[in-house]
Amino acid sequence: MILTNGVIITNDENNSFYENGAIYIKENIIADIGDAAEITKKYPDEEIIDVKNRLIMPGMICGHSHIYSAYARGMAASKPTDNFFNVLENLWWTLDRTLTLEDVKLNAMTTYMESIQNGVTTLVDHHSGPNSVEGSLFKLAEAAKELGIRTSLCYELSDRDGKEIRDKEIKENIEWIKACKKDDNGDMLKAMFGLHASFTLSDETLYKAQEAMAGLYDGYHVHVAEGIEDEWDSVQKHGKRVVERLDDFGIITENTLAVHGVHINEREMDILKEHNTPVIFNPESNMNNAVGCPPILRMLEKGITVGMGTDAYTNDMFDSMKVSNILLSHNACDPTKGFGETLDIQFKNNPKIFSKYFKKDIGVLKKDAYADIITFDYNPYTPLTKDNWGGHILFGLTGRLVNDTIINGEFVMKDKIIVKVDQKEIHAKSRERAKEIWKHV
């Protein structure tokens, strides 16, 4: 299959750019890329798909999300949400306790579909649902396989629902890790060990997690100092800050995702840098929860690799980039900050962070990378070139302009229609189920 007659942003190391380009897709990889006339001439027997001068880009990577939160859209909380702990206890932890395995699957279907519609081809999720733990990651995987999206999954371990559920959470993480080692669905499904946050994890529980992971894997996915309360709790109970405590348990590694990092200090940044541990920035969620702006600019200065997720605030990475840009400049009181950093975080660092979990590159269009590709109905009214495409992405593009989404060499959305499932039917089921869930929140 050859996609042709498109403007191509490759995001490769040479910033290759084609005003009239083509991509030769062979099975699930990019076999060749270049000028349209050259590519179509080299492979005369291939199926030609004319994208009609649309913009072509690598699929977007979302580095952190929470599928379990899908029913929250439009939902009113019945208890106070006036601080970060109350937001957790009275909104998210109340919601996730209501979920059945049927809800887990429905939430995954709706979240993955909307992600695909917004050009997300790889989604990294951090799941929770203490009354439906067993088999929950496998339900998420069922949805991912049905829709054809690339995903990494884990279950967020915590002590908040007692030891019996805690032990189920450890088991679910380990069973999922082992399942992915045995069969990763052609490099489409990945596993990490999920941890909620330091303040919901006792030493006993961290020892149990460490023991369960021994000799198996060292990749954790954990919230780090999202609220200042996380730091206060760690210092009060353990005499050390969050990153220091997690490091003592061997959790801070190059394969771990340290999410948020809003309140980490210089020492904690040094530990993250020492271990090459990436931090995942979630700008909209941090602002919405009023927890503060992470010291992203300082992290970047220190050489920490910062990636980007949404924390499920949105399923549109273009929205997140827009907010990242203005939050970083606003927080620094410096209009020269934010723009370049945001582009680097999404287009350099996300591919760097997440390609290492897969066998081939993602987040880039080049030979031998996975064929995860999106097209846009974007007719710019100023010139679009290899030198200014970042400005068009931040100020001109939105996920709603995505026309086609190709993942692993297959169309999963074509002409804005999800091709593998009946989206309207699934949305109708989700609406009906959400009505019942809302009665208990």
Protein backbone atom coordinates (compact mmCIF):
# COMPACT_ATOMS: atom_id res chain seq x y z
CA MET A 1 0.00 0.00 0.00
CA ILE A 2 1.26 3.44 -0.93
CA LEU A 3 -0.09 6.65 0.59
CA THR A 4 0.58 9.37 -1.93
CA ASN A 5 -0.14 12.99 -2.82
CA GLY A 6 0.34 14.34 0.70
CA VAL A 7 2.46 16.88 2.54
CA ILE A 8 4.62 14.76 4.85
CA ILE A 9 6.13 15.78 8.20
CA THR A 10 8.40 12.86 9.06
CA ASN A 11 9.78 13.98 12.44
CA ASP A 12 12.91 11.99 11.61
CA GLU A 13 16.42 12.90 12.72
CA ASN A 14 17.00 14.92 9.52
CA ASN A 15 13.64 16.73 9.70
CA SER A 16 12.83 15.34 6.24
CA PHE A 17 9.84 17.09 4.70
CA TYR A 18 8.02 16.33 1.46
CA GLU A 19 5.67 18.81 -0.17
CA ASN A 20 4.30 16.05 -2.38
CA GLY A 21 5.32 12.83 -0.74
CA ALA A 22 4.45 9.17 -0.52
CA ILE A 23 4.87 6.35 1.99
CA TYR A 24 5.21 2.71 1.00
CA ILE A 25 3.72 0.50 3.71
CA LYS A 26 4.65 -3.16 3.62
CA GLU A 27 2.73 -5.25 6.12
CA ASN A 28 3.09 -3.22 9.35
CA ILE A 29 6.21 -1.15 8.66
CA ILE A 30 7.27 1.80 6.55
CA ALA A 31 9.28 0.20 3.76
CA ASP A 32 10.08 3.46 1.94
CA ILE A 33 9.30 7.16 2.04
CA GLY A 34 10.05 10.02 -0.31
CA ASP A 35 8.75 12.12 -3.18
CA ALA A 36 5.47 10.84 -4.59
CA ALA A 37 6.66 10.42 -8.17
CA GLU A 38 9.74 8.49 -7.08
CA ILE A 39 7.95 6.13 -4.68
CA THR A 40 5.05 5.29 -7.00
CA LYS A 41 7.49 4.62 -9.85
CA LYS A 42 9.63 2.28 -7.71
CA TYR A 43 6.65 0.14 -6.66
CA PRO A 44 4.29 0.05 -9.66
CA ASP A 45 2.27 -2.96 -8.50
CA GLU A 46 1.28 -1.58 -5.11
CA GLU A 47 -2.20 -0.33 -4.19
CA ILE A 48 -2.27 3.47 -4.41
CA ILE A 49 -4.22 5.53 -1.88
CA ASP A 50 -4.46 9.21 -2.81
CA VAL A 51 -4.77 11.31 0.34
CA LYS A 52 -5.73 14.34 -1.77
CA ASN A 53 -3.07 16.77 -0.57
CA ARG A 54 -3.78 16.13 3.08
CA LEU A 55 -1.10 16.59 5.71
CA ILE A 56 0.58 13.34 6.79
CA MET A 57 2.31 12.92 10.16
CA PRO A 58 3.44 10.23 12.59
CA GLY A 59 0.73 8.97 14.92
CA MET A 60 0.66 10.68 18.31
CA ILE A 61 1.85 9.05 21.52
CA CYS A 62 -0.03 9.63 24.78
CA GLY A 63 2.37 8.82 27.61
CA HIS A 64 -0.11 8.61 30.50
CA SER A 65 -3.87 8.21 30.74
CA HIS A 66 -6.65 6.70 32.86
CA ILE A 67 -9.21 4.78 30.82
CA TYR A 68 -11.24 4.08 33.97
CA SER A 69 -12.28 7.75 34.13
CA ALA A 70 -14.34 7.69 30.93
CA TYR A 71 -17.75 7.86 32.64
CA ALA A 72 -16.77 11.11 34.37
CA ARG A 73 -17.55 13.29 31.37
CA GLY A 74 -20.62 15.31 32.36
CA MET A 75 -20.82 13.68 35.79
CA ALA A 76 -21.39 15.74 38.93
CA ALA A 77 -19.60 14.77 42.14
CA SER A 78 -21.88 14.69 45.21
CA LYS A 79 -19.09 15.33 47.73
CA PRO A 80 -16.51 18.15 48.06
CA THR A 81 -13.66 18.37 45.54
CA ASP A 82 -12.04 21.46 47.03
CA ASN A 83 -8.52 20.09 47.35
CA PHE A 84 -6.41 17.40 45.70
CA PHE A 85 -7.11 14.69 48.30
CA ASN A 86 -10.85 15.36 48.11
CA VAL A 87 -10.70 15.20 44.31
CA LEU A 88 -9.15 11.74 44.62
CA GLU A 89 -11.38 10.40 47.39
CA ASN A 90 -14.70 11.96 46.41
CA LEU A 91 -14.44 11.77 42.64
CA TRP A 92 -11.94 9.31 41.17
CA TRP A 93 -11.85 6.72 43.94
CA THR A 94 -15.62 6.83 44.26
CA LEU A 95 -15.97 6.32 40.51
CA ASP A 96 -13.43 3.53 40.09
CA ARG A 97 -15.01 1.47 42.90
CA THR A 98 -18.26 1.25 40.90
CA LEU A 99 -16.70 -0.35 37.82
CA THR A 100 -17.42 -3.90 36.68
CA LEU A 101 -15.42 -5.75 34.04
CA GLU A 102 -18.13 -4.80 31.55
CA ASP A 103 -17.49 -1.14 32.41
CA VAL A 104 -13.75 -1.63 32.02
CA LYS A 105 -14.26 -2.91 28.48
CA LEU A 106 -16.74 -0.14 27.59
CA ASN A 107 -14.44 2.56 29.00
CA ALA A 108 -11.58 1.15 26.96
CA MET A 109 -13.60 1.07 23.77
CA THR A 110 -14.78 4.66 24.09
CA THR A 111 -11.39 6.01 25.17
CA TYR A 112 -9.45 4.17 22.50
CA MET A 113 -11.93 5.22 19.79
CA GLU A 114 -11.75 8.87 20.73
CA SER A 115 -7.96 8.62 20.91
CA ILE A 116 -7.87 7.17 17.40
CA GLN A 117 -10.16 9.95 16.20
CA ASN A 118 -7.68 12.48 17.58
CA GLY A 119 -4.69 10.81 15.95
CA VAL A 120 -3.34 8.89 18.96
CA THR A 121 -1.83 5.60 17.81
CA THR A 122 -0.07 4.59 21.06
CA LEU A 123 -1.73 5.03 24.46
CA VAL A 124 -0.06 4.26 27.80
CA ASP A 125 -2.66 3.59 30.48
CA HIS A 126 -2.64 3.41 34.27
CA HIS A 127 -5.76 1.49 35.31
CA SER A 128 -7.77 1.35 38.52
CA GLY A 129 -10.96 -0.38 39.67
CA PRO A 130 -10.63 -2.13 43.05
CA ASN A 131 -13.89 -4.07 42.80
CA SER A 132 -13.07 -5.44 39.35
CA VAL A 133 -9.34 -6.04 39.57
CA GLU A 134 -9.08 -9.61 38.34
CA GLY A 135 -8.91 -9.75 34.56
CA SER A 136 -9.23 -5.98 34.16
CA LEU A 137 -6.02 -5.49 32.19
CA PHE A 138 -7.02 -8.35 29.92
CA LYS A 139 -10.37 -6.61 29.28
CA LEU A 140 -8.52 -3.43 28.32
CA ALA A 141 -6.39 -5.52 25.98
CA GLU A 142 -9.48 -7.05 24.37
CA ALA A 143 -10.66 -3.57 23.42
CA ALA A 144 -7.23 -2.57 22.14
CA LYS A 145 -7.06 -5.65 19.93
CA GLU A 146 -10.58 -5.10 18.56
CA LEU A 147 -9.76 -1.52 17.60
CA GLY A 148 -6.17 -2.12 16.52
CA ILE A 149 -4.48 0.45 18.78
CA ARG A 150 -0.99 0.10 20.25
CA THR A 151 -1.09 0.24 24.05
CA SER A 152 0.81 -0.30 27.31
CA LEU A 153 -1.17 -1.27 30.40
CA CYS A 154 -0.70 -1.58 34.15
CA TYR A 155 -2.82 -1.64 37.30
CA GLU A 156 -2.24 1.02 39.95
CA LEU A 157 -1.35 -0.77 43.17
CA SER A 158 -2.33 0.93 46.44
CA ASP A 159 -3.32 0.21 50.03
CA ARG A 160 -6.47 2.29 49.97
CA ASP A 161 -8.89 -0.67 49.65
CA GLY A 162 -7.28 -3.13 52.04
CA LYS A 163 -4.80 -5.97 51.86
CA GLU A 164 -7.02 -8.47 50.06
CA ILE A 165 -7.57 -6.14 47.12
CA ARG A 166 -3.94 -5.02 47.27
CA ASP A 167 -2.81 -8.61 46.76
CA LYS A 168 -5.19 -8.97 43.81
CA GLU A 169 -3.67 -5.82 42.29
CA ILE A 170 -0.15 -7.22 42.58
CA LYS A 171 -1.32 -10.47 41.00
CA GLU A 172 -3.06 -8.68 38.11
CA ASN A 173 0.07 -6.70 37.29
CA ILE A 174 2.27 -9.79 37.35
CA GLU A 175 -0.13 -11.95 35.34
CA TRP A 176 -0.39 -9.22 32.71
CA ILE A 177 3.39 -8.80 32.51
CA LYS A 178 3.82 -12.55 32.06
CA ALA A 179 1.05 -12.70 29.46
CA CYS A 180 2.71 -9.97 27.40
CA LYS A 181 6.06 -11.73 27.60
CA LYS A 182 4.36 -14.82 26.20
CA ASP A 183 2.26 -13.06 23.54
CA ASP A 184 2.39 -9.32 22.91
CA ASN A 185 -0.02 -9.46 19.96
CA GLY A 186 2.68 -8.68 17.42
CA ASP A 187 4.31 -5.96 19.54
CA MET A 188 0.99 -4.18 20.04
CA LEU A 189 0.48 -4.89 23.77
CA LYS A 190 2.96 -3.99 26.50
CA ALA A 191 3.02 -4.21 30.27
CA MET A 192 4.39 -2.27 33.20
CA PHE A 193 3.87 -2.65 36.95
CA GLY A 194 1.52 0.07 38.14
CA LEU A 195 1.86 1.91 41.44
CA HIS A 196 -0.55 4.63 42.52
CA ALA A 197 1.61 7.02 44.56
CA SER A 198 3.89 7.00 47.58
CA PHE A 199 1.20 8.23 49.99
CA THR A 200 -1.07 5.23 49.27
CA LEU A 201 1.75 2.67 49.43
CA SER A 202 3.10 1.31 52.71
CA ASP A 203 6.60 -0.10 53.01
CA GLU A 204 5.06 -3.54 53.33
CA THR A 205 3.26 -3.13 50.01
CA LEU A 206 6.34 -1.82 48.24
CA TYR A 207 8.34 -4.78 49.52
CA LYS A 208 5.65 -7.11 48.17
CA ALA A 209 5.74 -5.38 44.79
CA GLN A 210 9.51 -5.56 44.74
CA GLU A 211 9.40 -9.26 45.61
CA ALA A 212 6.79 -9.99 42.92
CA MET A 213 8.88 -8.23 40.29
CA ALA A 214 12.18 -9.89 41.22
CA GLY A 215 13.90 -11.24 38.13
CA LEU A 216 10.89 -10.38 36.00
CA TYR A 217 11.03 -6.71 35.01
CA ASP A 218 12.02 -3.31 36.40
CA GLY A 219 9.54 -1.05 34.62
CA TYR A 220 7.11 0.76 36.90
CA HIS A 221 4.45 3.36 36.11
CA VAL A 222 3.90 5.61 39.12
CA HIS A 223 2.49 9.01 40.11
CA VAL A 224 5.26 11.10 41.67
CA ALA A 225 4.57 14.17 43.82
CA GLU A 226 1.48 15.19 41.88
CA GLY A 227 0.14 16.96 44.96
CA ILE A 228 2.26 18.54 47.67
CA GLU A 229 0.48 16.18 50.08
CA ASP A 230 2.45 13.29 48.57
CA GLU A 231 5.70 14.93 49.65
CA TRP A 232 4.40 15.87 53.09
CA ASP A 233 3.25 12.30 53.69
CA SER A 234 6.59 10.82 52.63
CA VAL A 235 8.64 13.17 54.78
CA GLN A 236 6.39 12.74 57.82
CA LYS A 237 6.12 8.94 57.66
CA HIS A 238 9.45 7.94 56.14
CA GLY A 239 11.84 10.84 56.70
CA LYS A 240 12.58 11.26 52.99
CA ARG A 241 11.04 12.76 49.90
CA VAL A 242 9.01 10.77 47.38
CA VAL A 243 11.70 10.11 44.75
CA GLU A 244 14.23 9.24 47.46
CA ARG A 245 11.81 6.74 48.98
CA LEU A 246 10.91 5.12 45.67
CA ASP A 247 14.59 4.95 44.75
CA ASP A 248 15.32 3.05 47.96
CA PHE A 249 12.91 0.36 46.72
CA GLY A 250 14.57 0.14 43.30
CA ILE A 251 11.59 1.70 41.57
CA ILE A 252 13.43 4.63 39.97
CA THR A 253 14.97 3.03 36.87
CA GLU A 254 15.40 3.85 33.20
CA ASN A 255 12.36 1.68 32.43
CA THR A 256 10.08 3.46 34.90
CA LEU A 257 7.67 6.28 34.09
CA ALA A 258 7.65 8.96 36.81
CA VAL A 259 4.37 10.77 36.19
CA HIS A 260 3.73 14.44 37.04
CA GLY A 261 6.69 15.40 39.29
CA VAL A 262 4.96 18.66 40.20
CA HIS A 263 6.61 19.08 43.60
CA ILE A 264 9.98 17.39 43.23
CA ASN A 265 13.08 19.31 44.28
CA GLU A 266 16.62 19.53 42.92
CA ARG A 267 17.81 16.43 44.78
CA GLU A 268 14.92 14.39 43.42
CA MET A 269 15.63 15.64 39.90
CA ASP A 270 19.24 14.57 40.30
CA ILE A 271 18.11 11.05 41.25
CA LEU A 272 15.84 10.86 38.20
CA LYS A 273 18.66 12.08 35.98
CA GLU A 274 21.12 9.62 37.51
CA HIS A 275 18.83 6.71 36.62
CA ASN A 276 17.72 8.14 33.23
CA THR A 277 14.13 7.95 34.45
CA PRO A 278 11.70 9.86 32.22
CA VAL A 279 9.08 12.20 33.66
CA ILE A 280 5.65 12.42 32.02
CA PHE A 281 4.15 15.93 31.96
CA ASN A 282 0.33 16.28 32.02
CA PRO A 283 -0.27 20.03 31.73
CA GLU A 284 -4.05 20.23 31.52
CA SER A 285 -4.62 17.82 34.39
CA ASN A 286 -2.12 19.66 36.62
CA MET A 287 -3.93 22.93 36.00
CA ASN A 288 -7.38 21.39 36.43
CA ASN A 289 -6.44 19.84 39.77
CA ALA A 290 -4.76 23.09 40.83
CA VAL A 291 -1.68 21.20 42.00
CA GLY A 292 0.80 23.54 40.32
CA CYS A 293 3.14 23.62 37.35
CA PRO A 294 5.94 21.02 37.44
CA PRO A 295 9.50 22.39 37.12
CA ILE A 296 9.63 21.17 33.53
CA LEU A 297 12.06 23.82 32.30
CA ARG A 298 14.47 22.98 35.11
CA MET A 299 14.14 19.25 34.40
CA LEU A 300 15.02 19.86 30.78
CA GLU A 301 17.99 22.03 31.79
CA LYS A 302 19.26 19.17 33.94
CA GLY A 303 18.96 16.71 31.06
CA ILE A 304 15.92 14.77 32.28
CA THR A 305 13.88 13.31 29.44
CA VAL A 306 10.37 14.74 29.77
CA GLY A 307 7.50 13.20 27.82
CA MET A 308 3.84 14.10 27.63
CA GLY A 309 0.53 12.49 28.52
CA THR A 310 -2.97 13.72 29.25
CA ASP A 311 -3.87 12.04 32.57
CA ALA A 312 -7.20 11.45 30.77
CA TYR A 313 -8.13 15.14 30.90
CA THR A 314 -8.45 14.88 27.13
CA ASN A 315 -7.72 12.30 24.44
CA ASP A 316 -6.26 14.97 22.13
CA MET A 317 -2.51 15.44 22.36
CA PHE A 318 -2.76 18.62 20.29
CA ASP A 319 -4.85 20.17 23.06
CA SER A 320 -2.23 19.13 25.59
CA MET A 321 0.56 20.68 23.55
CA LYS A 322 -1.30 23.98 23.28
CA VAL A 323 -1.71 24.11 27.05
CA SER A 324 1.88 23.02 27.66
CA ASN A 325 3.12 25.91 25.56
CA ILE A 326 1.19 28.59 27.41
CA LEU A 327 1.56 27.05 30.88
CA LEU A 328 5.35 26.89 30.63
CA SER A 329 5.66 30.45 29.30
CA HIS A 330 3.14 31.79 31.82
CA ASN A 331 4.78 30.05 34.77
CA ALA A 332 8.24 31.26 33.75
CA CYS A 333 6.96 34.79 33.00
CA ASP A 334 8.99 34.43 29.81
CA PRO A 335 7.30 34.41 26.38
CA THR A 336 10.38 32.77 24.85
CA LYS A 337 9.77 29.61 26.86
CA GLY A 338 7.25 26.86 26.16
CA PHE A 339 7.12 26.70 22.39
CA GLY A 340 10.31 24.82 21.54
CA GLU A 341 10.22 22.83 24.76
CA THR A 342 6.69 21.58 24.06
CA LEU A 343 7.60 20.44 20.56
CA ASP A 344 10.67 18.64 21.88
CA ILE A 345 8.67 16.94 24.62
CA GLN A 346 6.08 15.54 22.23
CA PHE A 347 8.04 14.97 19.04
CA LYS A 348 11.54 14.13 20.27
CA ASN A 349 11.11 12.80 23.77
CA ASN A 350 7.89 10.79 23.49
CA PRO A 351 9.29 8.75 20.57
CA LYS A 352 12.57 8.35 22.45
CA ILE A 353 10.88 7.22 25.67
CA PHE A 354 8.32 4.86 24.22
CA SER A 355 10.13 3.38 21.23
CA LYS A 356 12.37 1.50 23.67
CA TYR A 357 9.38 -0.53 24.86
CA PHE A 358 8.69 -1.70 21.30
CA LYS A 359 10.79 -3.55 18.73
CA LYS A 360 10.66 -0.75 16.17
CA ASP A 361 10.44 3.03 16.29
CA ILE A 362 7.13 4.80 16.84
CA GLY A 363 6.33 8.52 16.63
CA VAL A 364 8.42 8.97 13.48
CA LEU A 365 7.97 8.33 9.75
CA LYS A 366 11.10 6.67 8.41
CA LYS A 367 12.15 3.40 6.85
CA ASP A 368 11.68 0.39 9.17
CA ALA A 369 9.56 2.29 11.70
CA TYR A 370 6.10 0.99 12.51
CA ALA A 371 3.46 2.29 10.09
CA ASP A 372 1.55 4.39 12.64
CA ILE A 373 0.38 7.30 10.50
CA ILE A 374 -2.27 10.02 10.59
CA THR A 375 -3.62 12.39 7.96
CA PHE A 376 -5.29 15.79 8.40
CA ASP A 377 -7.74 17.91 6.49
CA TYR A 378 -5.56 20.98 6.89
CA ASN A 379 -5.43 23.66 4.23
CA PRO A 380 -3.10 26.29 5.74
CA TYR A 381 -3.43 29.94 4.82
CA THR A 382 0.28 30.57 5.43
CA PRO A 383 3.23 28.57 4.05
CA LEU A 384 3.92 25.21 5.70
CA THR A 385 7.59 24.20 5.48
CA LYS A 386 10.18 21.97 7.11
CA ASP A 387 11.27 24.95 9.22
CA ASN A 388 7.90 26.06 10.58
CA TRP A 389 5.72 22.97 10.90
CA GLY A 390 5.91 23.22 14.69
CA GLY A 391 4.07 26.53 14.58
CA HIS A 392 1.35 25.01 12.43
CA ILE A 393 0.97 22.10 14.85
CA LEU A 394 0.67 24.30 17.93
CA PHE A 395 -1.51 27.03 16.42
CA GLY A 396 -3.29 25.38 13.49
CA LEU A 397 -3.86 21.70 14.17
CA THR A 398 -6.29 19.95 16.45
CA GLY A 399 -7.17 16.30 16.79
CA ARG A 400 -10.57 16.97 15.28
CA LEU A 401 -8.89 17.62 11.92
CA VAL A 402 -7.59 14.04 11.71
CA ASN A 403 -9.10 12.29 8.69
CA ASP A 404 -7.36 8.91 8.71
CA THR A 405 -5.55 6.89 11.35
CA ILE A 406 -3.33 3.97 10.37
CA ILE A 407 -1.85 1.77 13.11
CA ASN A 408 0.55 -1.08 12.45
CA GLY A 409 -0.08 -0.68 8.72
CA GLU A 410 -3.89 -0.91 8.91
CA PHE A 411 -6.59 1.74 8.65
CA VAL A 412 -8.38 1.89 11.99
CA MET A 413 -10.13 5.12 11.00
CA LYS A 414 -10.75 6.12 7.39
CA ASP A 415 -12.45 9.33 6.32
CA LYS A 416 -13.27 9.98 9.99
CA ILE A 417 -15.10 6.66 10.43
CA ILE A 418 -13.87 4.04 12.92
CA VAL A 419 -13.66 1.03 10.65
CA LYS A 420 -13.47 -2.02 12.95
CA VAL A 421 -16.47 -1.58 15.26
CA ASP A 422 -19.84 0.15 15.41
CA GLN A 423 -18.99 3.33 17.31
CA LYS A 424 -22.56 4.56 17.62
CA GLU A 425 -23.70 1.31 19.20
CA ILE A 426 -20.85 1.34 21.71
CA HIS A 427 -21.49 4.97 22.63
CA ALA A 428 -25.18 4.18 23.20
CA LYS A 429 -24.27 1.34 25.58
CA SER A 430 -21.82 3.60 27.40
CA ARG A 431 -24.44 6.34 27.86
CA GLU A 432 -26.91 3.91 29.36
CA ARG A 433 -24.36 2.41 31.71
CA ALA A 434 -23.06 5.87 32.76
CA LYS A 435 -26.57 6.79 33.94
CA GLU A 436 -26.46 3.90 36.40
CA ILE A 437 -22.90 4.65 37.53
CA TRP A 438 -23.69 8.30 38.20
CA LYS A 439 -26.31 7.31 40.78
CA HIS A 440 -23.54 6.03 43.02
CA VAL A 441 -21.02 8.87 42.71
